[in-house]
C-alpha cells in the first residue's frame, strides 16, 4: 500500500497537487468573473426564479426539471468533501485553508455557470432516447476536437471512481465502524446493493431520489453544525480571526498541530474546495444537460447556485465546527494508518521550539529529514528505544503494537521510515486526526456529547451515498459517449463492485487517487471553456434579450 500511495503522490504532485493546476483553476474562474462582469453576484436572484420554473416554456426538452437537475448535481458535490474534505484541508493547511475554499467557491460560481451553459447548448439525444450531455459534446460538436472529448470522457469514467464512488463509501464505512463498530465489508455490501437498485433506474429515478434527499440532508446538517458552533460560542470570533488572519502569515504551531505555511494552505484549500464543489471539473454539466430548458444560459444560472450552497454554506459550517471546537489541534487515541506513518531516525520534542520548527519545515516540504531503517524490539505492545514516530502529521504518543488485536511481542521492521507490513500487525496511539474522524470528534464537543458521532455518521451516510448515486450517472453518460448506451450496464456492474471494494481500502490512498482524477477531468474542460469565451458572452446577451421580450418592464442586470 505504501508503494502504491507513493506512486500516486508523485503523479499528483505534477497534476492536482501542483501550483500550476491551482492557478489554472482559480485563474479561469477569475477571468470569467471579470469578463462576464461578476455574474455570481448580479444574477443570483434570477437563478432563484429560474429554479422555481419562472423561465420555462411549454415543450422544453429534457429528462428532469431545473430543481431536480440542481438537486442531482448538488447530491454529486455535497459529499465527503463537505465533512471529511474540509477536515483534511484544515489538518493540512490550518484555518487559512478554509479561506481559500471559500474563495474557490466564489469564483467557481462563475466557472460552473459557464461550463453548464456551454454543455447544455451542445447536448444530444442518445440512442435509447435519453438526453446525453457534458463537456465532451461541446468539445466534439463545437471545437471539433474529438481527441480532447475522448480524454475528458475517459477521465470522467476514472473520476466517477476516484471522486464519486471510492472516497464516498470509504468515508461511510470508516464512520460506521468508528461509530457503531459495524464491519467495513458489511457496510459496503449493504450500500452496494442499494446503490445498484437506484442507478439501474436511470436518471429519472436518480432525480426522484436526489430531489427528496438533498433538502432533507442539508437541513439536518445545518441544524446539527449550528448547534456545535453556538455551544462553543466563545470561540466563534477567534475562529473567524484565524481563518482570515492566517492567510498572509501561515498558521503557527499550536497544540499537536506543527504549523502550516501560506503556500500549503492555499494549495490544499483550493484543491479541497474543488473536490467539494467541482467547479471547473465538468461533472455538473452532465447532470444539467438533462434538464428541461430551451435556452442554455437559464440552466447555467441554476448551476451558479451550487458552489454557494455546497461550499460557502455547508463547508463553512463544517470549518467553523472544527475550529470553534478546537479539535484540529488536539491528539486522540486512534488506530494508525500505514500511509500516514513515518519513523524518524532522531528523537524530537514538541516542547523544544527548534525541534518543532524542523518538523514543520519537513512537513511543508521545505527540508529533508532522516528516516529510520532497521528493527525495533517490541515487548507486550511497547516499542523499546523508540525514536520519534510521526502519524497524521503530528508527533505520535503512547504508541502500541498489536498483532490480531493482541499486544505484540517480537520485532518490527522499518525501511526508509516506513513500517514493513506484516499480516495482522497494527499500531495505535495518540495523534492528530483528519478527514471524517476529526469531524466526528468535533461534533461531540457540544450539547450532543457522545451522541455527536451519530450526527456525523448519519450526515455522512446521506451526503456520501447521494454523491455516489449522482457520479454513477456521470460515468454512465461518459460510457455512452465512448461506446454507446448498450455498454452502460457493464459500467454499472464495475461501479457497484468498486464501490464495495473501496469500503475496506486505505483512506489516504483513496484521497490521493481522487486528486489525480479531478485534474484529469478539469484540465481539458478549462481549456475548452476558455476557447469558447466569446461564444459564452454572446449567449448571455441573447438570454437577456429573450428575458426582456418575455418580461417587459423589468430592470435587467446589464441594462
Protein backbone atom coordinates (compact mmCIF):
# COMPACT_ATOMS: atom_id res chain seq x y z
CA UNK A 1 0.00 0.00 0.00
CA UNK A 2 2.81 2.42 0.86
CA UNK A 3 4.45 1.95 -2.54
CA UNK A 4 1.14 2.49 -4.34
CA UNK A 5 0.47 5.66 -2.35
CA UNK A 6 3.98 6.98 -3.05
CA UNK A 7 3.47 6.47 -6.80
CA UNK A 8 0.09 8.23 -6.65
CA UNK A 9 1.55 11.09 -4.62
CA UNK A 10 4.31 11.51 -7.20
CA UNK A 11 1.75 11.70 -10.02
CA UNK A 12 -0.49 14.05 -8.01
CA UNK A 13 2.45 16.38 -7.33
CA UNK A 14 2.58 17.15 -11.06
CA UNK A 15 -1.18 17.47 -11.61
CA UNK A 16 -3.86 18.10 -8.96
CA UNK A 17 -1.38 18.83 -6.18
CA UNK A 18 0.77 21.24 -8.20
CA UNK A 19 0.70 25.02 -8.02
CA UNK A 20 0.15 25.46 -11.76
CA UNK A 21 -3.09 23.47 -11.57
CA UNK A 22 -4.34 25.62 -8.71
CA UNK A 23 -3.55 28.82 -10.59
CA UNK A 24 -5.19 27.48 -13.76
CA UNK A 25 -8.36 26.69 -11.85
CA UNK A 26 -8.60 29.98 -9.97
CA UNK A 27 -7.36 31.97 -12.97
CA UNK A 28 -10.10 30.60 -15.21
CA UNK A 29 -12.80 31.44 -12.68
CA UNK A 30 -11.35 34.90 -12.10
CA UNK A 31 -11.11 35.56 -15.85
CA UNK A 32 -14.77 34.71 -16.45
CA UNK A 33 -15.83 36.60 -13.33
CA UNK A 34 -14.29 39.79 -14.73
CA UNK A 35 -15.11 39.06 -18.38
CA UNK A 36 -18.80 38.49 -17.61
CA UNK A 37 -18.90 41.31 -15.00
CA UNK A 38 -19.39 39.30 -11.80
CA UNK A 39 -22.43 37.22 -12.75
CA UNK A 40 -22.32 35.29 -9.44
CA UNK A 41 -23.45 38.43 -7.65
CA UNK A 42 -25.56 40.21 -10.29
CA UNK A 43 -27.55 37.20 -11.48
CA UNK A 44 -28.26 35.25 -8.30
CA UNK A 45 -31.82 36.48 -7.80
CA UNK A 46 -32.64 35.41 -11.36
CA UNK A 47 -31.16 32.00 -10.65
CA UNK A 48 -33.62 31.52 -7.81
CA UNK A 49 -36.54 32.47 -10.05
CA UNK A 50 -35.48 30.08 -12.80
CA UNK A 51 -35.18 27.18 -10.33
CA UNK A 52 -38.84 27.79 -9.46
CA UNK A 53 -39.81 27.49 -13.15
CA UNK A 54 -40.04 31.21 -13.97
CA UNK A 55 -38.36 30.90 -17.38
CA UNK A 56 -39.89 27.59 -18.51
CA UNK A 57 -41.78 27.22 -21.77
CA UNK A 58 -44.19 24.55 -22.93
CA UNK A 59 -42.37 21.91 -24.93
CA UNK A 60 -38.97 22.34 -23.25
CA UNK A 61 -36.94 19.16 -23.86
CA UNK A 62 -35.28 17.25 -21.05
CA UNK A 63 -35.46 14.37 -18.59
CA UNK A 64 -35.94 16.41 -15.41
CA UNK A 65 -36.85 19.85 -14.02
CA UNK A 66 -34.45 22.65 -13.09
CA UNK A 67 -34.81 21.81 -9.41
CA UNK A 68 -34.20 18.11 -9.99
CA UNK A 69 -31.08 18.94 -12.03
CA UNK A 70 -29.85 21.22 -9.25
CA UNK A 71 -30.57 18.56 -6.62
CA UNK A 72 -28.85 15.85 -8.67
CA UNK A 73 -25.76 18.00 -9.23
CA UNK A 74 -25.74 19.05 -5.57
CA UNK A 75 -26.00 15.45 -4.45
CA UNK A 76 -22.89 14.85 -6.54
CA UNK A 77 -20.99 17.68 -4.85
CA UNK A 78 -22.35 17.63 -1.29
CA UNK A 79 -20.50 14.57 -0.04
CA UNK A 80 -17.37 13.62 1.83
CA UNK A 81 -15.75 16.86 0.68
CA UNK A 82 -18.11 18.76 2.98
CA UNK A 83 -17.40 16.63 6.05
CA UNK A 84 -14.10 14.81 5.53
CA UNK A 85 -12.58 17.11 2.89
CA UNK A 86 -12.86 20.27 4.98
CA UNK A 87 -11.29 18.44 7.93
CA UNK A 88 -8.44 17.27 5.71
CA UNK A 89 -7.85 20.79 4.34
CA UNK A 90 -7.62 22.32 7.82
CA UNK A 91 -5.48 19.41 9.02
CA UNK A 92 -3.01 20.07 6.20
CA UNK A 93 -3.04 23.86 5.94
CA UNK A 94 -4.61 25.26 9.09
CA UNK A 95 -7.58 27.68 9.29
CA UNK A 96 -6.45 29.69 6.24
CA UNK A 97 -7.21 26.66 4.06
CA UNK A 98 -10.90 27.32 4.74
CA UNK A 99 -10.49 30.88 3.44
CA UNK A 100 -9.16 29.54 0.14
CA UNK A 101 -12.01 27.05 -0.06
CA UNK A 102 -14.44 29.98 0.13
CA UNK A 103 -12.52 31.96 -2.50
CA UNK A 104 -12.55 28.92 -4.76
CA UNK A 105 -16.31 28.69 -4.36
CA UNK A 106 -16.87 32.39 -5.11
CA UNK A 107 -15.01 32.32 -8.43
CA UNK A 108 -16.24 28.77 -9.01
CA UNK A 109 -19.81 30.03 -9.20
CA UNK A 110 -18.91 31.74 -12.47
CA UNK A 111 -16.92 28.77 -13.75
CA UNK A 112 -19.89 26.47 -13.19
CA UNK A 113 -22.22 28.97 -14.85
CA UNK A 114 -20.05 28.90 -17.98
CA UNK A 115 -19.38 25.16 -18.22
CA UNK A 116 -23.04 24.23 -17.70
CA UNK A 117 -24.27 26.76 -20.27
CA UNK A 118 -21.91 25.52 -22.99
CA UNK A 119 -22.55 21.86 -22.25
CA UNK A 120 -26.32 22.32 -22.28
CA UNK A 121 -26.14 24.07 -25.66
CA UNK A 122 -24.41 21.14 -27.35
CA UNK A 123 -26.20 18.21 -25.70
CA UNK A 124 -27.54 15.31 -27.77
CA UNK A 125 -30.24 12.66 -27.64
CA UNK A 126 -28.72 9.22 -27.08
CA UNK A 127 -29.74 6.05 -28.97
CA UNK A 128 -32.01 4.98 -26.12
CA UNK A 129 -33.89 8.31 -26.25
CA UNK A 130 -32.30 9.83 -23.13
CA UNK A 131 -30.52 13.20 -23.07
CA UNK A 132 -26.75 12.94 -23.08
CA UNK A 133 -24.56 15.95 -22.47
CA UNK A 134 -21.43 17.26 -20.88
CA UNK A 135 -18.18 18.95 -21.92
CA UNK A 136 -17.29 16.09 -24.29
CA UNK A 137 -20.16 17.17 -26.55
CA UNK A 138 -19.11 20.80 -26.96
CA UNK A 139 -15.54 19.56 -27.47
CA UNK A 140 -16.75 17.30 -30.29
CA UNK A 141 -19.54 19.38 -31.84
CA UNK A 142 -18.20 22.92 -31.43
CA UNK A 143 -14.43 22.71 -31.04
CA UNK A 144 -14.16 19.71 -33.38
CA UNK A 145 -11.60 18.20 -31.02
CA UNK A 146 -12.75 14.61 -30.77
CA UNK A 147 -9.48 13.53 -29.17
CA UNK A 148 -9.99 16.03 -26.35
CA UNK A 149 -13.56 14.83 -25.88
CA UNK A 150 -12.31 11.26 -25.59
CA UNK A 151 -9.72 12.29 -22.99
CA UNK A 152 -12.41 14.05 -20.97
CA UNK A 153 -14.83 11.13 -21.22
CA UNK A 154 -12.18 8.62 -20.12
CA UNK A 155 -11.20 10.93 -17.26
CA UNK A 156 -14.88 11.16 -16.27
CA UNK A 157 -15.12 7.39 -16.01
CA UNK A 158 -11.97 7.31 -13.88
CA UNK A 159 -13.19 10.20 -11.78
CA UNK A 160 -16.53 8.51 -11.18
CA UNK A 161 -14.49 6.05 -9.15
CA UNK A 162 -11.86 8.45 -7.76
CA UNK A 163 -14.36 11.16 -6.80
CA UNK A 164 -17.81 9.64 -6.73
CA UNK A 165 -17.51 6.03 -5.64
CA UNK A 166 -14.30 5.15 -3.81
CA UNK A 167 -13.84 8.02 -1.31
CA UNK A 168 -17.56 8.16 -0.56
CA UNK A 169 -18.02 4.57 0.60
CA UNK A 170 -14.60 4.67 2.23
CA UNK A 171 -15.65 7.55 4.45
CA UNK A 172 -19.04 5.96 5.15
CA UNK A 173 -17.57 2.61 6.17
CA UNK A 174 -14.92 4.23 8.37
CA UNK A 175 -17.59 6.32 10.07
CA UNK A 176 -19.91 3.33 10.58
CA UNK A 177 -17.04 1.32 12.06
CA UNK A 178 -15.90 4.09 14.40
CA UNK A 179 -19.45 4.94 15.49
CA UNK A 180 -21.26 1.61 15.64
CA UNK A 181 -18.49 -0.96 15.26
CA UNK A 182 -20.05 -2.22 12.01
CA UNK A 183 -17.64 -4.20 9.84
CA UNK A 184 -16.40 -2.26 6.81
CA UNK A 185 -17.32 -5.03 4.40
CA UNK A 186 -20.84 -5.31 5.79
CA UNK A 187 -21.44 -1.59 5.30
CA UNK A 188 -20.02 -1.77 1.80
CA UNK A 189 -22.10 -4.80 0.88
CA UNK A 190 -25.44 -3.38 2.03
CA UNK A 191 -24.92 0.02 0.42
CA UNK A 192 -23.61 -1.54 -2.80
CA UNK A 193 -26.89 -3.43 -3.17
CA UNK A 194 -28.92 -0.25 -2.52
CA UNK A 195 -26.78 1.67 -4.98
CA UNK A 196 -27.41 -0.93 -7.65
CA UNK A 197 -31.19 -0.70 -7.19
CA UNK A 198 -31.14 3.10 -7.59
CA UNK A 199 -28.83 3.52 -10.57
CA UNK A 200 -30.41 0.77 -12.65
CA UNK A 201 -33.47 3.01 -12.98
CA UNK A 202 -31.50 5.69 -14.85
CA UNK A 203 -31.57 9.47 -14.49
CA UNK A 204 -35.31 9.76 -13.81
CA UNK A 205 -35.12 7.53 -10.74
CA UNK A 206 -31.88 9.21 -9.67
CA UNK A 207 -33.57 12.63 -9.96
CA UNK A 208 -36.55 11.44 -7.93
CA UNK A 209 -34.29 10.17 -5.13
CA UNK A 210 -31.93 13.15 -5.02
CA UNK A 211 -34.66 15.82 -5.20
CA UNK A 212 -36.09 14.43 -1.97
CA UNK A 213 -32.82 13.54 -0.28
CA UNK A 214 -30.81 16.75 -0.79
CA UNK A 215 -33.16 19.21 1.03
CA UNK A 216 -33.53 16.82 3.98
CA UNK A 217 -29.83 16.19 4.42
CA UNK A 218 -28.90 19.88 4.00
CA UNK A 219 -31.38 20.97 6.67
CA UNK A 220 -30.29 18.17 9.01
CA UNK A 221 -26.63 19.13 8.73
CA UNK A 222 -27.30 22.85 9.05
CA UNK A 223 -29.15 22.37 12.35
CA UNK A 224 -26.55 19.94 13.72
CA UNK A 225 -23.49 22.03 12.86
CA UNK A 226 -25.10 25.26 14.09
CA UNK A 227 -25.71 23.59 17.45
CA UNK A 228 -22.00 22.76 17.77
CA UNK A 229 -20.85 26.25 16.79
CA UNK A 230 -23.16 28.05 19.23
CA UNK A 231 -22.23 25.63 22.01
CA UNK A 232 -18.63 26.85 21.55
CA UNK A 233 -19.76 30.45 21.06
CA UNK A 234 -16.73 31.88 22.88
CA UNK A 235 -14.50 30.56 20.05
CA UNK A 236 -16.53 31.94 17.13
CA UNK A 237 -14.67 35.27 16.87
CA UNK A 238 -11.18 33.73 17.40
CA UNK A 239 -12.00 31.14 14.71
CA UNK A 240 -13.03 33.81 12.22
CA UNK A 241 -9.88 35.78 13.02
CA UNK A 242 -7.77 32.67 12.36
CA UNK A 243 -9.49 31.95 9.03
CA UNK A 244 -8.76 35.41 7.65
CA UNK A 245 -5.76 36.39 9.79
CA UNK A 246 -3.59 33.41 8.86
CA UNK A 247 -3.98 33.91 5.10
CA UNK A 248 -0.83 36.03 4.74
CA UNK A 249 1.16 34.68 7.68
CA UNK A 250 0.56 30.94 7.76
CA UNK A 251 -0.56 29.16 10.92
CA UNK A 252 1.85 28.88 13.84
CA UNK A 253 2.35 25.58 15.66
CA UNK A 254 -0.32 25.09 18.32
CA UNK A 255 -1.08 22.01 20.36
CA UNK A 256 -0.33 18.94 18.28
CA UNK A 257 -0.51 20.95 15.02
CA UNK A 258 3.05 21.59 13.82
CA UNK A 259 2.21 24.70 11.80
CA UNK A 260 1.06 25.45 8.26
CA UNK A 261 2.56 27.61 5.52
CA UNK A 262 0.85 30.17 3.30
CA UNK A 263 1.51 28.08 0.19
CA UNK A 264 0.29 24.86 1.78
CA UNK A 265 -2.94 26.47 2.99
CA UNK A 266 -3.52 27.99 -0.45
CA UNK A 267 -2.85 24.78 -2.37
CA UNK A 268 -4.81 22.45 -0.10
CA UNK A 269 -7.67 24.90 0.35
CA UNK A 270 -8.17 25.35 -3.38
CA UNK A 271 -7.70 21.64 -4.05
CA UNK A 272 -10.23 20.57 -1.41
CA UNK A 273 -12.55 23.40 -2.46
CA UNK A 274 -12.63 21.98 -5.97
CA UNK A 275 -13.19 18.48 -4.65
CA UNK A 276 -16.14 19.82 -2.70
CA UNK A 277 -17.96 21.94 -5.30
CA UNK A 278 -16.38 20.53 -8.50
CA UNK A 279 -16.47 23.92 -10.26
CA UNK A 280 -14.45 23.59 -13.46
CA UNK A 281 -14.29 19.81 -13.27
CA UNK A 282 -17.05 19.37 -15.83
CA UNK A 283 -19.12 16.92 -13.82
CA UNK A 284 -22.21 19.02 -13.01
CA UNK A 285 -22.79 19.93 -16.69
CA UNK A 286 -23.53 16.26 -17.34
CA UNK A 287 -26.48 16.37 -14.93
CA UNK A 288 -27.68 19.81 -16.01
CA UNK A 289 -27.64 18.79 -19.67
CA UNK A 290 -30.65 16.57 -18.93
CA UNK A 291 -32.73 19.48 -17.57
CA UNK A 292 -35.82 20.71 -19.40
CA UNK A 293 -34.80 24.06 -20.84
CA UNK A 294 -34.96 25.69 -24.26
CA UNK A 295 -32.19 28.17 -23.55
CA UNK A 296 -28.75 27.10 -22.20
CA UNK A 297 -27.95 30.19 -20.12
CA UNK A 298 -31.03 29.61 -17.95
CA UNK A 299 -29.63 26.24 -16.86
CA UNK A 300 -26.21 27.81 -16.34
CA UNK A 301 -27.81 30.26 -13.92
CA UNK A 302 -29.33 27.36 -11.99
CA UNK A 303 -25.87 25.77 -11.68
CA UNK A 304 -24.45 29.05 -10.39
CA UNK A 305 -26.12 28.30 -7.05
CA UNK A 306 -24.24 25.05 -6.45
CA UNK A 307 -20.85 26.30 -5.15
CA UNK A 308 -22.67 28.81 -2.97
CA UNK A 309 -24.77 26.13 -1.28
CA UNK A 310 -22.10 23.45 -1.24
CA UNK A 311 -19.01 25.37 -0.14
CA UNK A 312 -19.88 28.85 1.07
CA UNK A 313 -22.65 27.50 3.30
CA UNK A 314 -22.08 23.82 4.10
CA UNK A 315 -18.25 23.68 4.02
CA UNK A 316 -18.02 26.91 6.01
CA UNK A 317 -20.27 25.40 8.67
CA UNK A 318 -18.03 22.32 8.91
CA UNK A 319 -14.95 24.50 9.14
CA UNK A 320 -16.44 26.54 11.96
CA UNK A 321 -17.41 23.34 13.78
CA UNK A 322 -13.79 22.14 13.62
CA UNK A 323 -12.21 25.45 14.58
CA UNK A 324 -14.63 26.51 17.33
CA UNK A 325 -14.42 23.08 19.00
CA UNK A 326 -10.60 23.19 18.94
CA UNK A 327 -10.24 19.52 17.97
CA UNK A 328 -7.99 20.21 14.97
CA UNK A 329 -5.00 20.86 17.29
CA UNK A 330 -5.66 18.02 19.76
CA UNK A 331 -4.40 14.43 19.78
CA UNK A 332 -6.74 11.49 20.24
CA UNK A 333 -6.41 7.73 20.57
CA UNK A 334 -6.73 6.12 17.17
CA UNK A 335 -5.61 3.22 15.04
CA UNK A 336 -2.70 4.30 12.84
CA UNK A 337 -2.89 4.05 9.06
CA UNK A 338 0.36 2.90 7.50
CA UNK A 339 0.24 5.54 4.76
CA UNK A 340 0.23 8.29 7.44
CA UNK A 341 3.04 6.68 9.48
CA UNK A 342 6.73 7.69 9.48
CA UNK A 343 9.59 6.50 11.71
CA UNK A 344 12.29 9.16 12.14
CA UNK A 345 15.94 8.48 12.92
CA UNK A 346 16.11 11.11 15.69
CA UNK A 347 14.11 11.97 18.78
CA UNK A 348 12.27 15.30 18.60
CA UNK A 349 10.43 17.10 21.39
CA UNK A 350 7.34 19.24 20.93
CA UNK A 351 8.49 21.27 23.93
CA UNK A 352 11.59 22.34 22.01
CA UNK A 353 10.92 25.24 19.61
CA UNK A 354 13.88 24.29 17.40
CA UNK A 355 12.62 20.71 17.03
CA UNK A 356 9.11 21.91 16.22
CA UNK A 357 10.49 24.20 13.52
CA UNK A 358 12.48 21.33 11.95
CA UNK A 359 9.40 19.12 11.85
CA UNK A 360 7.29 21.98 10.49
CA UNK A 361 9.72 22.64 7.63
CA UNK A 362 9.80 18.92 6.82
CA UNK A 363 6.01 18.60 6.73
CA UNK A 364 5.58 21.55 4.35
CA UNK A 365 8.31 20.21 2.05
CA UNK A 366 10.94 22.86 2.79
CA UNK A 367 13.63 20.48 4.07
CA UNK A 368 14.52 16.80 4.32
CA UNK A 369 14.75 14.70 7.44
CA UNK A 370 16.47 11.41 8.31
CA UNK A 371 14.25 8.33 8.32
CA UNK A 372 14.88 5.23 10.39
CA UNK A 373 15.88 1.94 8.82
CA UNK A 374 16.26 -1.15 10.97
CA UNK A 375 14.32 -3.19 13.51
CA UNK A 376 12.67 -2.40 16.83
CA UNK A 377 12.12 -4.79 19.69
CA UNK A 378 8.56 -4.81 21.00
CA UNK A 379 7.58 -6.14 24.44
CA UNK A 380 3.87 -6.55 25.30
CA UNK A 381 2.94 -3.96 22.66
CA UNK A 382 5.51 -1.34 23.73
CA UNK A 383 8.31 -0.35 21.34
CA UNK A 384 11.72 -0.41 23.00
CA UNK A 385 14.17 2.51 22.49
CA UNK A 386 11.76 4.15 20.12
CA UNK A 387 12.70 7.35 18.30
CA UNK A 388 10.12 9.89 17.13
CA UNK A 389 7.15 8.49 15.21
CA UNK A 390 5.08 10.79 13.01
CA UNK A 391 1.46 9.91 12.40
CA UNK A 392 -1.11 12.12 10.72
CA UNK A 393 1.46 14.95 10.52
CA UNK A 394 1.94 15.02 14.30
CA UNK A 395 4.28 13.51 16.86
CA UNK A 396 2.67 10.23 17.92
CA UNK A 397 2.37 9.44 21.61
CA UNK A 398 1.79 6.22 23.60
CA UNK A 399 2.49 4.08 20.55
CA UNK A 400 1.36 0.46 20.90
CA UNK A 401 1.86 -2.50 18.56
CA UNK A 402 -0.83 -5.14 18.09
CA UNK A 403 -0.99 -8.49 16.31
CA UNK A 404 -4.51 -9.69 15.59
CA UNK A 405 -5.78 -7.19 18.21
CA UNK A 406 -3.47 -8.59 20.92
CA UNK A 407 -0.38 -6.84 22.39
CA UNK A 408 2.57 -7.88 20.24
CA UNK A 409 5.98 -9.08 21.43
CA UNK A 410 8.78 -9.55 18.92
CA UNK A 411 10.36 -7.36 16.27
CA UNK A 412 9.00 -4.89 13.72
CA UNK A 413 10.96 -3.90 10.65
CA UNK A 414 11.24 -0.36 9.30
CA UNK A 415 12.70 0.61 5.93
CA UNK A 416 13.30 4.26 4.99
CA UNK A 417 10.85 5.38 7.66
CA UNK A 418 8.08 3.04 6.54
CA UNK A 419 6.76 0.10 8.50
CA UNK A 420 7.31 -3.23 6.75
CA UNK A 421 3.83 -4.73 6.69
CA UNK A 422 3.05 -7.99 8.43
CA UNK A 423 -0.39 -9.67 8.27
CA UNK A 424 -2.47 -8.74 11.32
CA UNK A 425 0.07 -6.17 12.60
CA UNK A 426 -1.33 -2.73 13.53
CA UNK A 427 -0.20 0.28 15.53
CA UNK A 428 -2.21 2.65 17.69
CA UNK A 429 -1.61 5.66 19.90
CA UNK A 430 -2.38 9.35 20.23
CA UNK A 431 -2.05 11.69 17.26
CA UNK A 432 -3.95 14.32 15.34
CA UNK A 433 -6.97 13.14 13.39
CA UNK A 434 -8.10 14.13 9.92
CA UNK A 435 -10.98 13.56 7.50
CA UNK A 436 -14.27 12.17 8.86
CA UNK A 437 -12.90 11.01 12.27
CA UNK A 438 -11.86 14.60 13.06
CA UNK A 439 -15.31 15.98 12.23
CA UNK A 440 -16.87 13.21 14.32
CA UNK A 441 -14.86 14.25 17.39
CA UNK A 442 -15.77 17.90 16.79
CA UNK A 443 -19.49 17.16 16.95
CA UNK A 444 -19.01 15.53 20.36
CA UNK A 445 -17.75 18.88 21.72
CA UNK A 446 -21.30 20.18 22.04
CA UNK A 447 -24.69 19.55 23.60
CA UNK A 448 -24.70 16.29 21.64
CA UNK A 449 -21.84 14.86 23.72
CA UNK A 450 -21.11 11.28 22.68
CA UNK A 451 -24.23 11.37 20.51
CA UNK A 452 -22.42 13.81 18.20
CA UNK A 453 -20.84 10.87 16.42
CA UNK A 454 -24.30 9.74 15.35
CA UNK A 455 -25.00 13.13 13.78
CA UNK A 456 -21.84 12.88 11.67
CA UNK A 457 -22.37 9.23 10.83
CA UNK A 458 -25.92 9.87 9.62
CA UNK A 459 -24.96 13.05 7.75
CA UNK A 460 -22.00 11.35 6.11
CA UNK A 461 -24.16 8.40 5.12
CA UNK A 462 -26.67 10.67 3.37
CA UNK A 463 -24.10 13.00 1.80
CA UNK A 464 -21.71 10.37 0.55
CA UNK A 465 -24.29 7.88 -0.67
CA UNK A 466 -26.12 10.55 -2.67
CA UNK A 467 -22.79 11.56 -4.23
CA UNK A 468 -22.11 8.00 -5.31
CA UNK A 469 -25.57 7.89 -6.93
CA UNK A 470 -25.00 11.05 -8.98
CA UNK A 471 -21.50 10.11 -10.06
CA UNK A 472 -22.76 6.80 -11.40
CA UNK A 473 -24.80 8.86 -13.85
CA UNK A 474 -21.78 10.97 -14.86
CA UNK A 475 -19.80 7.83 -15.65
CA UNK A 476 -22.87 6.39 -17.36
CA UNK A 477 -23.01 9.34 -19.80
CA UNK A 478 -19.26 9.15 -20.44
CA UNK A 479 -19.54 5.47 -21.31
CA UNK A 480 -22.50 6.31 -23.57
CA UNK A 481 -20.33 8.83 -25.40
CA UNK A 482 -17.39 6.44 -25.75
CA UNK A 483 -19.10 3.13 -26.51
CA UNK A 484 -22.85 3.71 -26.83
CA UNK A 485 -25.73 3.14 -24.43
CA UNK A 486 -25.62 -0.66 -24.81
CA UNK A 487 -22.36 -0.85 -22.83
CA UNK A 488 -23.62 1.12 -19.83
CA UNK A 489 -24.78 -2.00 -17.98
CA UNK A 490 -21.20 -3.28 -17.78
CA UNK A 491 -20.06 0.03 -16.32
CA UNK A 492 -22.80 -0.14 -13.69
CA UNK A 493 -21.62 -3.60 -12.63
CA UNK A 494 -17.99 -2.49 -12.28
CA UNK A 495 -19.08 0.70 -10.49
CA UNK A 496 -21.03 -1.21 -7.85
CA UNK A 497 -18.22 -3.75 -7.36
CA UNK A 498 -15.65 -0.95 -6.99
CA UNK A 499 -17.96 0.78 -4.51
CA UNK A 500 -17.95 -2.35 -2.38
CA UNK A 501 -14.18 -2.95 -2.57
CA UNK A 502 -13.39 0.66 -1.56
CA UNK A 503 -15.23 0.18 1.74
CA UNK A 504 -12.15 -1.53 3.19
CA UNK A 505 -9.32 0.25 1.32
CA UNK A 506 -6.81 2.64 2.95
CA UNK A 507 -8.28 6.17 3.20
CA UNK A 508 -5.10 8.06 2.31
CA UNK A 509 -4.69 6.23 -0.98
CA UNK A 510 -8.31 7.00 -1.89
CA UNK A 511 -7.88 10.73 -1.28
CA UNK A 512 -4.64 10.80 -3.31
CA UNK A 513 -6.32 9.00 -6.22
CA UNK A 514 -9.22 11.45 -6.16
CA UNK A 515 -6.84 14.39 -6.58
CA UNK A 516 -5.41 12.87 -9.74
CA UNK A 517 -8.75 12.04 -11.36
CA UNK A 518 -10.09 15.54 -10.60
CA UNK A 519 -7.20 17.07 -12.55
CA UNK A 520 -7.65 14.68 -15.47
CA UNK A 521 -11.20 15.98 -15.95
CA UNK A 522 -10.61 19.61 -15.09
CA UNK A 523 -7.71 20.48 -17.38
CA UNK A 524 -9.46 19.57 -20.70
CA UNK A 525 -12.68 21.26 -19.52
CA UNK A 526 -10.95 24.52 -18.58
CA UNK A 527 -9.15 24.55 -21.91
CA UNK A 528 -12.48 24.09 -23.68
CA UNK A 529 -14.47 26.80 -21.92
CA UNK A 530 -11.62 29.32 -22.25
CA UNK A 531 -11.62 28.65 -26.00
CA UNK A 532 -15.34 29.50 -26.15
CA UNK A 533 -15.30 32.64 -24.01
CA UNK A 534 -16.64 34.90 -26.79
CA UNK A 535 -19.46 32.49 -27.56
CA UNK A 536 -20.36 32.39 -23.89
CA UNK A 537 -20.62 36.16 -23.74
CA UNK A 538 -22.85 36.18 -26.80
CA UNK A 539 -25.13 33.52 -25.26
CA UNK A 540 -25.57 35.69 -22.18
CA UNK A 541 -26.60 38.66 -24.35
CA UNK A 542 -29.15 36.52 -26.22
CA UNK A 543 -30.58 35.28 -22.94
CA UNK A 544 -31.23 38.77 -21.59
CA UNK A 545 -32.79 39.81 -24.90
CA UNK A 546 -35.29 36.98 -24.57
CA UNK A 547 -35.92 37.82 -20.91
CA UNK A 548 -36.64 41.44 -21.86
CA UNK A 549 -39.15 40.34 -24.51
CA UNK A 550 -40.93 37.87 -22.23
CA UNK A 551 -40.94 40.13 -19.16
CA UNK A 552 -41.05 43.72 -20.44
CA UNK A 553 -40.57 46.48 -17.91
CA UNK A 554 -38.16 44.60 -15.66
CA UNK A 555 -34.84 46.25 -14.96
CA UNK A 556 -32.17 43.86 -16.17
CA UNK A 557 -28.72 43.49 -14.52
CA UNK A 558 -26.78 44.58 -17.60
CA UNK A 559 -29.08 47.44 -18.60
